[in-house]
Amino acid sequence: MGGTISPVFGSLDVINWFDEILKVHPKSTLTLIGHVPLPSHQMEVEKMAISNPKLNVIFSSDPIDHSKILNAYQKADFVLMPYQNLPEINSKMPTKLFEAAALGVPLLFSPNPKWEHFIQSYQGGYPIDFKNTGLAITAFQQARLKSYFTQNPPVQIFWESQEAEFLRLISSL
Protein backbone atom coordinates (compact mmCIF):
# COMPACT_ATOMS: atom_id res chain seq x y z
CA MET A 1 0.00 0.00 0.00
CA GLY A 2 1.55 3.32 -0.98
CA GLY A 3 0.79 6.99 -1.27
CA THR A 4 -1.09 8.81 1.47
CA ILE A 5 -1.44 6.69 4.60
CA SER A 6 -4.59 7.54 6.53
CA PRO A 7 -7.59 5.84 8.12
CA VAL A 8 -9.93 6.74 5.21
CA PHE A 9 -7.53 5.09 2.77
CA GLY A 10 -7.85 1.90 4.80
CA SER A 11 -4.47 1.54 6.48
CA LEU A 12 -5.91 0.11 9.71
CA ASP A 13 -8.35 -2.12 7.82
CA VAL A 14 -5.59 -3.60 5.67
CA ILE A 15 -3.35 -4.25 8.69
CA ASN A 16 -6.14 -6.15 10.46
CA TRP A 17 -6.89 -8.02 7.22
CA PHE A 18 -3.20 -8.85 6.79
CA ASP A 19 -3.00 -10.22 10.35
CA GLU A 20 -5.55 -12.84 9.26
CA ILE A 21 -3.59 -13.64 6.10
CA LEU A 22 -0.49 -14.37 8.18
CA LYS A 23 -2.28 -17.22 9.93
CA VAL A 24 -2.22 -19.24 6.70
CA HIS A 25 0.56 -17.47 4.78
CA PRO A 26 3.17 -16.71 7.49
CA LYS A 27 5.88 -15.74 5.00
CA SER A 28 3.81 -12.87 3.60
CA THR A 29 4.83 -9.27 4.17
CA LEU A 30 2.93 -6.01 3.96
CA THR A 31 4.66 -2.73 3.18
CA LEU A 32 3.01 0.61 3.83
CA ILE A 33 4.95 3.40 2.17
CA GLY A 34 3.93 7.01 2.00
CA HIS A 35 3.08 10.35 3.45
CA VAL A 36 1.25 10.30 6.79
CA PRO A 37 -0.56 13.62 7.34
CA LEU A 38 -1.83 12.68 10.83
CA PRO A 39 0.98 12.23 13.39
CA SER A 40 -1.35 10.33 15.75
CA HIS A 41 -2.16 7.86 12.98
CA GLN A 42 1.52 7.41 12.18
CA MET A 43 2.22 6.56 15.84
CA GLU A 44 -0.67 4.09 15.92
CA VAL A 45 0.50 2.25 12.80
CA GLU A 46 4.16 2.28 13.87
CA LYS A 47 3.12 0.72 17.19
CA MET A 48 1.35 -2.05 15.25
CA ALA A 49 4.48 -2.57 13.15
CA ILE A 50 6.65 -3.01 16.25
CA SER A 51 4.54 -5.99 17.30
CA ASN A 52 4.43 -7.45 13.76
CA PRO A 53 7.79 -7.95 12.02
CA LYS A 54 5.98 -8.82 8.76
CA LEU A 55 4.57 -5.28 8.59
CA ASN A 56 7.05 -2.83 7.05
CA VAL A 57 6.42 0.89 7.32
CA ILE A 58 8.22 3.57 5.35
CA PHE A 59 6.62 6.81 6.44
CA SER A 60 7.27 10.49 6.08
CA SER A 61 5.52 13.61 7.24
CA ASP A 62 6.38 14.98 3.76
CA PRO A 63 5.39 13.37 0.46
CA ILE A 64 7.67 10.47 -0.47
CA ASP A 65 9.47 10.45 -3.81
CA HIS A 66 7.01 8.89 -6.25
CA SER A 67 9.69 6.65 -7.76
CA LYS A 68 10.14 4.95 -4.37
CA ILE A 69 6.43 4.15 -4.24
CA LEU A 70 6.46 2.80 -7.80
CA ASN A 71 9.54 0.73 -6.97
CA ALA A 72 7.68 -0.80 -4.00
CA TYR A 73 4.74 -1.61 -6.29
CA GLN A 74 7.03 -3.33 -8.79
CA LYS A 75 8.39 -5.59 -6.04
CA ALA A 76 4.92 -6.55 -4.79
CA ASP A 77 2.75 -9.51 -5.69
CA PHE A 78 -0.27 -7.23 -5.28
CA VAL A 79 -0.84 -3.50 -4.91
CA LEU A 80 -3.50 -2.89 -2.26
CA MET A 81 -6.18 -0.23 -2.35
CA PRO A 82 -8.30 -0.75 0.80
CA TYR A 83 -10.08 2.60 0.59
CA GLN A 84 -13.14 3.08 2.76
CA ASN A 85 -16.55 3.25 1.13
CA LEU A 86 -17.11 7.02 1.29
CA PRO A 87 -18.88 9.24 -1.28
CA GLU A 88 -15.88 11.57 -1.55
CA ILE A 89 -13.68 8.60 -2.50
CA ASN A 90 -16.03 6.30 -4.45
CA SER A 91 -16.57 8.67 -7.35
CA LYS A 92 -12.81 9.16 -7.93
CA MET A 93 -10.39 7.18 -10.06
CA PRO A 94 -7.31 6.99 -7.82
CA THR A 95 -3.91 7.20 -9.44
CA LYS A 96 -3.07 3.82 -7.93
CA LEU A 97 -5.51 2.18 -10.39
CA PHE A 98 -3.50 3.47 -13.33
CA GLU A 99 -0.09 2.87 -11.74
CA ALA A 100 -0.82 -0.78 -10.97
CA ALA A 101 -2.18 -1.31 -14.50
CA ALA A 102 0.81 0.36 -16.14
CA LEU A 103 3.22 -1.71 -14.05
CA GLY A 104 1.31 -4.94 -14.66
CA VAL A 105 0.88 -5.60 -10.93
CA PRO A 106 -2.53 -6.95 -9.87
CA LEU A 107 -4.56 -4.64 -7.66
CA LEU A 108 -6.61 -5.83 -4.69
CA PHE A 109 -9.15 -3.08 -4.11
CA SER A 110 -12.19 -2.28 -2.00
CA PRO A 111 -15.39 -3.09 -3.90
CA ASN A 112 -16.46 -0.17 -6.07
CA PRO A 113 -18.49 -0.55 -9.30
CA LYS A 114 -16.59 2.22 -11.08
CA TRP A 115 -13.21 0.69 -10.28
CA GLU A 116 -14.41 -2.83 -11.04
CA HIS A 117 -15.64 -1.75 -14.48
CA PHE A 118 -12.26 -0.19 -15.27
CA ILE A 119 -10.24 -3.18 -14.00
CA GLN A 120 -12.47 -5.86 -15.56
CA SER A 121 -11.60 -4.76 -19.08
CA TYR A 122 -8.09 -6.17 -18.67
CA GLN A 123 -8.44 -8.40 -15.58
CA GLY A 124 -6.03 -6.27 -13.59
CA GLY A 125 -7.30 -6.92 -10.11
CA TYR A 126 -9.75 -8.38 -7.66
CA PRO A 127 -12.21 -6.75 -5.24
CA ILE A 128 -11.60 -7.50 -1.56
CA ASP A 129 -13.67 -6.44 1.44
CA PHE A 130 -10.77 -5.49 3.69
CA LYS A 131 -13.15 -4.82 6.59
CA ASN A 132 -14.37 -8.42 6.58
CA THR A 133 -11.48 -10.15 8.32
CA GLY A 134 -13.58 -13.31 8.70
CA LEU A 135 -13.34 -13.84 4.94
CA ALA A 136 -9.79 -12.53 4.55
CA ILE A 137 -8.12 -15.89 3.97
CA THR A 138 -10.78 -17.13 1.54
CA ALA A 139 -10.74 -13.87 -0.42
CA PHE A 140 -6.94 -13.79 -0.54
CA GLN A 141 -6.74 -17.39 -1.72
CA GLN A 142 -9.30 -16.64 -4.44
CA ALA A 143 -7.26 -13.62 -5.49
CA ARG A 144 -4.09 -15.72 -5.65
CA LEU A 145 -5.76 -18.26 -7.96
CA LYS A 146 -6.99 -15.73 -10.52
CA SER A 147 -5.26 -15.01 -13.80
CA TYR A 148 -4.41 -11.34 -14.23
CA PHE A 149 -3.77 -9.16 -17.25
CA THR A 150 -5.41 -11.55 -19.69
CA GLN A 151 -5.99 -8.43 -21.82
CA ASN A 152 -3.72 -5.41 -22.16
CA PRO A 153 -4.70 -2.37 -20.10
CA PRO A 154 -6.27 0.43 -22.15
CA VAL A 155 -3.64 2.45 -23.99
CA GLN A 156 -5.19 5.64 -22.56
CA ILE A 157 -3.61 4.93 -19.16
CA PHE A 158 -0.14 5.53 -20.56
CA TRP A 159 1.39 9.00 -20.83
CA GLU A 160 2.48 8.45 -24.41
CA SER A 161 -1.14 8.20 -25.55
CA GLN A 162 -2.09 11.45 -23.81
CA GLU A 163 1.06 13.53 -24.21
CA ALA A 164 0.23 15.29 -27.49
CA GLU A 165 -3.27 16.26 -26.36
CA PHE A 166 -2.00 17.46 -22.98
CA LEU A 167 0.75 19.57 -24.56
CA ARG A 168 -1.75 21.02 -27.06
CA LEU A 169 -4.06 21.95 -24.20
CA ILE A 170 -1.24 23.58 -22.23
CA SER A 171 -0.01 25.56 -25.21
CA SER A 172 -3.54 26.83 -25.88
CA LEU A 173 -3.56 28.45 -22.44
C-alpha atoms as a PDB file:
ATOM      1  CA  MET A   1       0.000   0.000   0.000  1.00  0.00           C
ATOM      2  CA  GLY A   2       1.549   3.324  -0.984  1.00  0.00           C
ATOM      3  CA  GLY A   3       0.786   6.987  -1.267  1.00  0.00           C
ATOM      4  CA  THR A   4      -1.091   8.806   1.468  1.00  0.00           C
ATOM      5  CA  ILE A   5      -1.444   6.689   4.596  1.00  0.00           C
ATOM      6  CA  SER A   6      -4.589   7.542   6.526  1.00  0.00           C
ATOM      7  CA  PRO A   7      -7.593   5.843   8.123  1.00  0.00           C
ATOM      8  CA  VAL A   8      -9.933   6.743   5.214  1.00  0.00           C
ATOM      9  CA  PHE A   9      -7.530   5.095   2.773  1.00  0.00           C
ATOM     10  CA  GLY A  10      -7.855   1.903   4.804  1.00  0.00           C
ATOM     11  CA  SER A  11      -4.472   1.541   6.478  1.00  0.00           C
ATOM     12  CA  LEU A  12      -5.907   0.108   9.709  1.00  0.00           C
ATOM     13  CA  ASP A  13      -8.347  -2.117   7.816  1.00  0.00           C
ATOM     14  CA  VAL A  14      -5.587  -3.596   5.674  1.00  0.00           C
ATOM     15  CA  ILE A  15      -3.354  -4.249   8.695  1.00  0.00           C
ATOM     16  CA  ASN A  16      -6.142  -6.150  10.461  1.00  0.00           C
ATOM     17  CA  TRP A  17      -6.895  -8.023   7.218  1.00  0.00           C
ATOM     18  CA  PHE A  18      -3.198  -8.846   6.788  1.00  0.00           C
ATOM     19  CA  ASP A  19      -2.998 -10.216  10.346  1.00  0.00           C
ATOM     20  CA  GLU A  20      -5.547 -12.841   9.263  1.00  0.00           C
ATOM     21  CA  ILE A  21      -3.593 -13.644   6.100  1.00  0.00           C
ATOM     22  CA  LEU A  22      -0.488 -14.370   8.178  1.00  0.00           C
ATOM     23  CA  LYS A  23      -2.281 -17.219   9.933  1.00  0.00           C
ATOM     24  CA  VAL A  24      -2.216 -19.238   6.702  1.00  0.00           C
ATOM     25  CA  HIS A  25       0.560 -17.469   4.784  1.00  0.00           C
ATOM     26  CA  PRO A  26       3.165 -16.706   7.490  1.00  0.00           C
ATOM     27  CA  LYS A  27       5.884 -15.743   4.999  1.00  0.00           C
ATOM     28  CA  SER A  28       3.810 -12.867   3.596  1.00  0.00           C
ATOM     29  CA  THR A  29       4.831  -9.269   4.170  1.00  0.00           C
ATOM     30  CA  LEU A  30       2.933  -6.006   3.957  1.00  0.00           C
ATOM     31  CA  THR A  31       4.662  -2.734   3.184  1.00  0.00           C
ATOM     32  CA  LEU A  32       3.008   0.611   3.827  1.00  0.00           C
ATOM     33  CA  ILE A  33       4.950   3.401   2.167  1.00  0.00           C
ATOM     34  CA  GLY A  34       3.925   7.007   2.003  1.00  0.00           C
ATOM     35  CA  HIS A  35       3.083  10.350   3.449  1.00  0.00           C
ATOM     36  CA  VAL A  36       1.248  10.301   6.786  1.00  0.00           C
ATOM     37  CA  PRO A  37      -0.555  13.621   7.339  1.00  0.00           C
ATOM     38  CA  LEU A  38      -1.828  12.684  10.826  1.00  0.00           C
ATOM     39  CA  PRO A  39       0.976  12.230  13.390  1.00  0.00           C
ATOM     40  CA  SER A  40      -1.348  10.332  15.754  1.00  0.00           C
ATOM     41  CA  HIS A  41      -2.162   7.855  12.979  1.00  0.00           C
ATOM     42  CA  GLN A  42       1.516   7.407  12.184  1.00  0.00           C
ATOM     43  CA  MET A  43       2.223   6.564  15.836  1.00  0.00           C
ATOM     44  CA  GLU A  44      -0.670   4.088  15.917  1.00  0.00           C
ATOM     45  CA  VAL A  45       0.504   2.245  12.795  1.00  0.00           C
ATOM     46  CA  GLU A  46       4.158   2.278  13.869  1.00  0.00           C
ATOM     47  CA  LYS A  47       3.122   0.723  17.191  1.00  0.00           C
ATOM     48  CA  MET A  48       1.349  -2.045  15.254  1.00  0.00           C
ATOM     49  CA  ALA A  49       4.478  -2.572  13.151  1.00  0.00           C
ATOM     50  CA  ILE A  50       6.647  -3.007  16.248  1.00  0.00           C
ATOM     51  CA  SER A  51       4.539  -5.992  17.296  1.00  0.00           C
ATOM     52  CA  ASN A  52       4.430  -7.451  13.763  1.00  0.00           C
ATOM     53  CA  PRO A  53       7.792  -7.950  12.018  1.00  0.00           C
ATOM     54  CA  LYS A  54       5.975  -8.818   8.763  1.00  0.00           C
ATOM     55  CA  LEU A  55       4.571  -5.276   8.592  1.00  0.00           C
ATOM     56  CA  ASN A  56       7.052  -2.828   7.055  1.00  0.00           C
ATOM     57  CA  VAL A  57       6.419   0.888   7.320  1.00  0.00           C
ATOM     58  CA  ILE A  58       8.222   3.567   5.346  1.00  0.00           C
ATOM     59  CA  PHE A  59       6.624   6.809   6.443  1.00  0.00           C
ATOM     60  CA  SER A  60       7.272  10.490   6.079  1.00  0.00           C
ATOM     61  CA  SER A  61       5.517  13.611   7.235  1.00  0.00           C
ATOM     62  CA  ASP A  62       6.383  14.976   3.761  1.00  0.00           C
ATOM     63  CA  PRO A  63       5.389  13.368   0.463  1.00  0.00           C
ATOM     64  CA  ILE A  64       7.669  10.466  -0.468  1.00  0.00           C
ATOM     65  CA  ASP A  65       9.466  10.446  -3.811  1.00  0.00           C
ATOM     66  CA  HIS A  66       7.010   8.889  -6.253  1.00  0.00           C
ATOM     67  CA  SER A  67       9.693   6.651  -7.764  1.00  0.00           C
ATOM     68  CA  LYS A  68      10.142   4.947  -4.367  1.00  0.00           C
ATOM     69  CA  ILE A  69       6.431   4.152  -4.237  1.00  0.00           C
ATOM     70  CA  LEU A  70       6.463   2.798  -7.798  1.00  0.00           C
ATOM     71  CA  ASN A  71       9.539   0.729  -6.971  1.00  0.00           C
ATOM     72  CA  ALA A  72       7.685  -0.802  -4.002  1.00  0.00           C
ATOM     73  CA  TYR A  73       4.735  -1.610  -6.288  1.00  0.00           C
ATOM     74  CA  GLN A  74       7.028  -3.326  -8.788  1.00  0.00           C
ATOM     75  CA  LYS A  75       8.394  -5.593  -6.039  1.00  0.00           C
ATOM     76  CA  ALA A  76       4.918  -6.547  -4.786  1.00  0.00           C
ATOM     77  CA  ASP A  77       2.754  -9.512  -5.690  1.00  0.00           C
ATOM     78  CA  PHE A  78      -0.274  -7.230  -5.282  1.00  0.00           C
ATOM     79  CA  VAL A  79      -0.843  -3.503  -4.912  1.00  0.00           C
ATOM     80  CA  LEU A  80      -3.498  -2.889  -2.262  1.00  0.00           C
ATOM     81  CA  MET A  81      -6.177  -0.225  -2.347  1.00  0.00           C
ATOM     82  CA  PRO A  82      -8.301  -0.747   0.803  1.00  0.00           C
ATOM     83  CA  TYR A  83     -10.082   2.600   0.591  1.00  0.00           C
ATOM     84  CA  GLN A  84     -13.141   3.078   2.762  1.00  0.00           C
ATOM     85  CA  ASN A  85     -16.554   3.250   1.131  1.00  0.00           C
ATOM     86  CA  LEU A  86     -17.107   7.018   1.291  1.00  0.00           C
ATOM     87  CA  PRO A  87     -18.878   9.240  -1.278  1.00  0.00           C
ATOM     88  CA  GLU A  88     -15.880  11.569  -1.547  1.00  0.00           C
ATOM     89  CA  ILE A  89     -13.684   8.595  -2.500  1.00  0.00           C
ATOM     90  CA  ASN A  90     -16.034   6.301  -4.448  1.00  0.00           C
ATOM     91  CA  SER A  91     -16.566   8.673  -7.350  1.00  0.00           C
ATOM     92  CA  LYS A  92     -12.809   9.164  -7.931  1.00  0.00           C
ATOM     93  CA  MET A  93     -10.385   7.180 -10.063  1.00  0.00           C
ATOM     94  CA  PRO A  94      -7.311   6.987  -7.816  1.00  0.00           C
ATOM     95  CA  THR A  95      -3.909   7.197  -9.444  1.00  0.00           C
ATOM     96  CA  LYS A  96      -3.073   3.824  -7.931  1.00  0.00           C
ATOM     97  CA  LEU A  97      -5.514   2.182 -10.388  1.00  0.00           C
ATOM     98  CA  PHE A  98      -3.500   3.469 -13.326  1.00  0.00           C
ATOM     99  CA  GLU A  99      -0.091   2.869 -11.741  1.00  0.00           C
ATOM    100  CA  ALA A 100      -0.817  -0.782 -10.972  1.00  0.00           C
ATOM    101  CA  ALA A 101      -2.178  -1.308 -14.495  1.00  0.00           C
ATOM    102  CA  ALA A 102       0.809   0.363 -16.138  1.00  0.00           C
ATOM    103  CA  LEU A 103       3.221  -1.706 -14.054  1.00  0.00           C
ATOM    104  CA  GLY A 104       1.309  -4.937 -14.661  1.00  0.00           C
ATOM    105  CA  VAL A 105       0.882  -5.597 -10.932  1.00  0.00           C
ATOM    106  CA  PRO A 106      -2.528  -6.946  -9.873  1.00  0.00           C
ATOM    107  CA  LEU A 107      -4.562  -4.644  -7.662  1.00  0.00           C
ATOM    108  CA  LEU A 108      -6.608  -5.826  -4.694  1.00  0.00           C
ATOM    109  CA  PHE A 109      -9.145  -3.077  -4.107  1.00  0.00           C
ATOM    110  CA  SER A 110     -12.186  -2.281  -2.005  1.00  0.00           C
ATOM    111  CA  PRO A 111     -15.385  -3.085  -3.904  1.00  0.00           C
ATOM    112  CA  ASN A 112     -16.462  -0.167  -6.068  1.00  0.00           C
ATOM    113  CA  PRO A 113     -18.494  -0.553  -9.298  1.00  0.00           C
ATOM    114  CA  LYS A 114     -16.591   2.223 -11.084  1.00  0.00           C
ATOM    115  CA  TRP A 115     -13.206   0.691 -10.283  1.00  0.00           C
ATOM    116  CA  GLU A 116     -14.414  -2.832 -11.040  1.00  0.00           C
ATOM    117  CA  HIS A 117     -15.638  -1.752 -14.482  1.00  0.00           C
ATOM    118  CA  PHE A 118     -12.257  -0.191 -15.272  1.00  0.00           C
ATOM    119  CA  ILE A 119     -10.245  -3.177 -14.002  1.00  0.00           C
ATOM    120  CA  GLN A 120     -12.475  -5.855 -15.556  1.00  0.00           C
ATOM    121  CA  SER A 121     -11.603  -4.759 -19.083  1.00  0.00           C
ATOM    122  CA  TYR A 122      -8.091  -6.166 -18.672  1.00  0.00           C
ATOM    123  CA  GLN A 123      -8.440  -8.401 -15.583  1.00  0.00           C
ATOM    124  CA  GLY A 124      -6.031  -6.270 -13.589  1.00  0.00           C
ATOM    125  CA  GLY A 125      -7.304  -6.919 -10.112  1.00  0.00           C
ATOM    126  CA  TYR A 126      -9.749  -8.377  -7.661  1.00  0.00           C
ATOM    127  CA  PRO A 127     -12.206  -6.755  -5.241  1.00  0.00           C
ATOM    128  CA  ILE A 128     -11.605  -7.497  -1.557  1.00  0.00           C
ATOM    129  CA  ASP A 129     -13.670  -6.442   1.439  1.00  0.00           C
ATOM    130  CA  PHE A 130     -10.771  -5.487   3.690  1.00  0.00           C
ATOM    131  CA  LYS A 131     -13.146  -4.820   6.594  1.00  0.00           C
ATOM    132  CA  ASN A 132     -14.369  -8.422   6.579  1.00  0.00           C
ATOM    133  CA  THR A 133     -11.482 -10.146   8.322  1.00  0.00           C
ATOM    134  CA  GLY A 134     -13.576 -13.314   8.698  1.00  0.00           C
ATOM    135  CA  LEU A 135     -13.342 -13.841   4.940  1.00  0.00           C
ATOM    136  CA  ALA A 136      -9.787 -12.526   4.551  1.00  0.00           C
ATOM    137  CA  ILE A 137      -8.119 -15.889   3.975  1.00  0.00           C
ATOM    138  CA  THR A 138     -10.779 -17.128   1.541  1.00  0.00           C
ATOM    139  CA  ALA A 139     -10.740 -13.865  -0.420  1.00  0.00           C
ATOM    140  CA  PHE A 140      -6.941 -13.792  -0.541  1.00  0.00           C
ATOM    141  CA  GLN A 141      -6.741 -17.387  -1.716  1.00  0.00           C
ATOM    142  CA  GLN A 142      -9.302 -16.644  -4.439  1.00  0.00           C
ATOM    143  CA  ALA A 143      -7.256 -13.621  -5.489  1.00  0.00           C
ATOM    144  CA  ARG A 144      -4.093 -15.716  -5.651  1.00  0.00           C
ATOM    145  CA  LEU A 145      -5.763 -18.257  -7.959  1.00  0.00           C
ATOM    146  CA  LYS A 146      -6.990 -15.725 -10.518  1.00  0.00           C
ATOM    147  CA  SER A 147      -5.258 -15.014 -13.800  1.00  0.00           C
ATOM    148  CA  TYR A 148      -4.409 -11.341 -14.229  1.00  0.00           C
ATOM    149  CA  PHE A 149      -3.774  -9.158 -17.254  1.00  0.00           C
ATOM    150  CA  THR A 150      -5.409 -11.553 -19.685  1.00  0.00           C
ATOM    151  CA  GLN A 151      -5.986  -8.433 -21.818  1.00  0.00           C
ATOM    152  CA  ASN A 152      -3.722  -5.410 -22.157  1.00  0.00           C
ATOM    153  CA  PRO A 153      -4.704  -2.367 -20.099  1.00  0.00           C
ATOM    154  CA  PRO A 154      -6.274   0.430 -22.152  1.00  0.00           C
ATOM    155  CA  VAL A 155      -3.639   2.447 -23.994  1.00  0.00           C
ATOM    156  CA  GLN A 156      -5.191   5.638 -22.558  1.00  0.00           C
ATOM    157  CA  ILE A 157      -3.614   4.929 -19.157  1.00  0.00           C
ATOM    158  CA  PHE A 158      -0.141   5.529 -20.558  1.00  0.00           C
ATOM    159  CA  TRP A 159       1.391   9.002 -20.832  1.00  0.00           C
ATOM    160  CA  GLU A 160       2.480   8.449 -24.405  1.00  0.00           C
ATOM    161  CA  SER A 161      -1.136   8.205 -25.547  1.00  0.00           C
ATOM    162  CA  GLN A 162      -2.092  11.446 -23.808  1.00  0.00           C
ATOM    163  CA  GLU A 163       1.062  13.532 -24.210  1.00  0.00           C
ATOM    164  CA  ALA A 164       0.231  15.290 -27.493  1.00  0.00           C
ATOM    165  CA  GLU A 165      -3.269  16.263 -26.363  1.00  0.00           C
ATOM    166  CA  PHE A 166      -2.002  17.465 -22.981  1.00  0.00           C
ATOM    167  CA  LEU A 167       0.745  19.575 -24.557  1.00  0.00           C
ATOM    168  CA  ARG A 168      -1.750  21.016 -27.063  1.00  0.00           C
ATOM    169  CA  LEU A 169      -4.063  21.946 -24.201  1.00  0.00           C
ATOM    170  CA  ILE A 170      -1.243  23.583 -22.234  1.00  0.00           C
ATOM    171  CA  SER A 171      -0.010  25.561 -25.211  1.00  0.00           C
ATOM    172  CA  SER A 172      -3.540  26.828 -25.875  1.00  0.00           C
ATOM    173  CA  LEU A 173      -3.557  28.451 -22.436  1.00  0.00           C
END
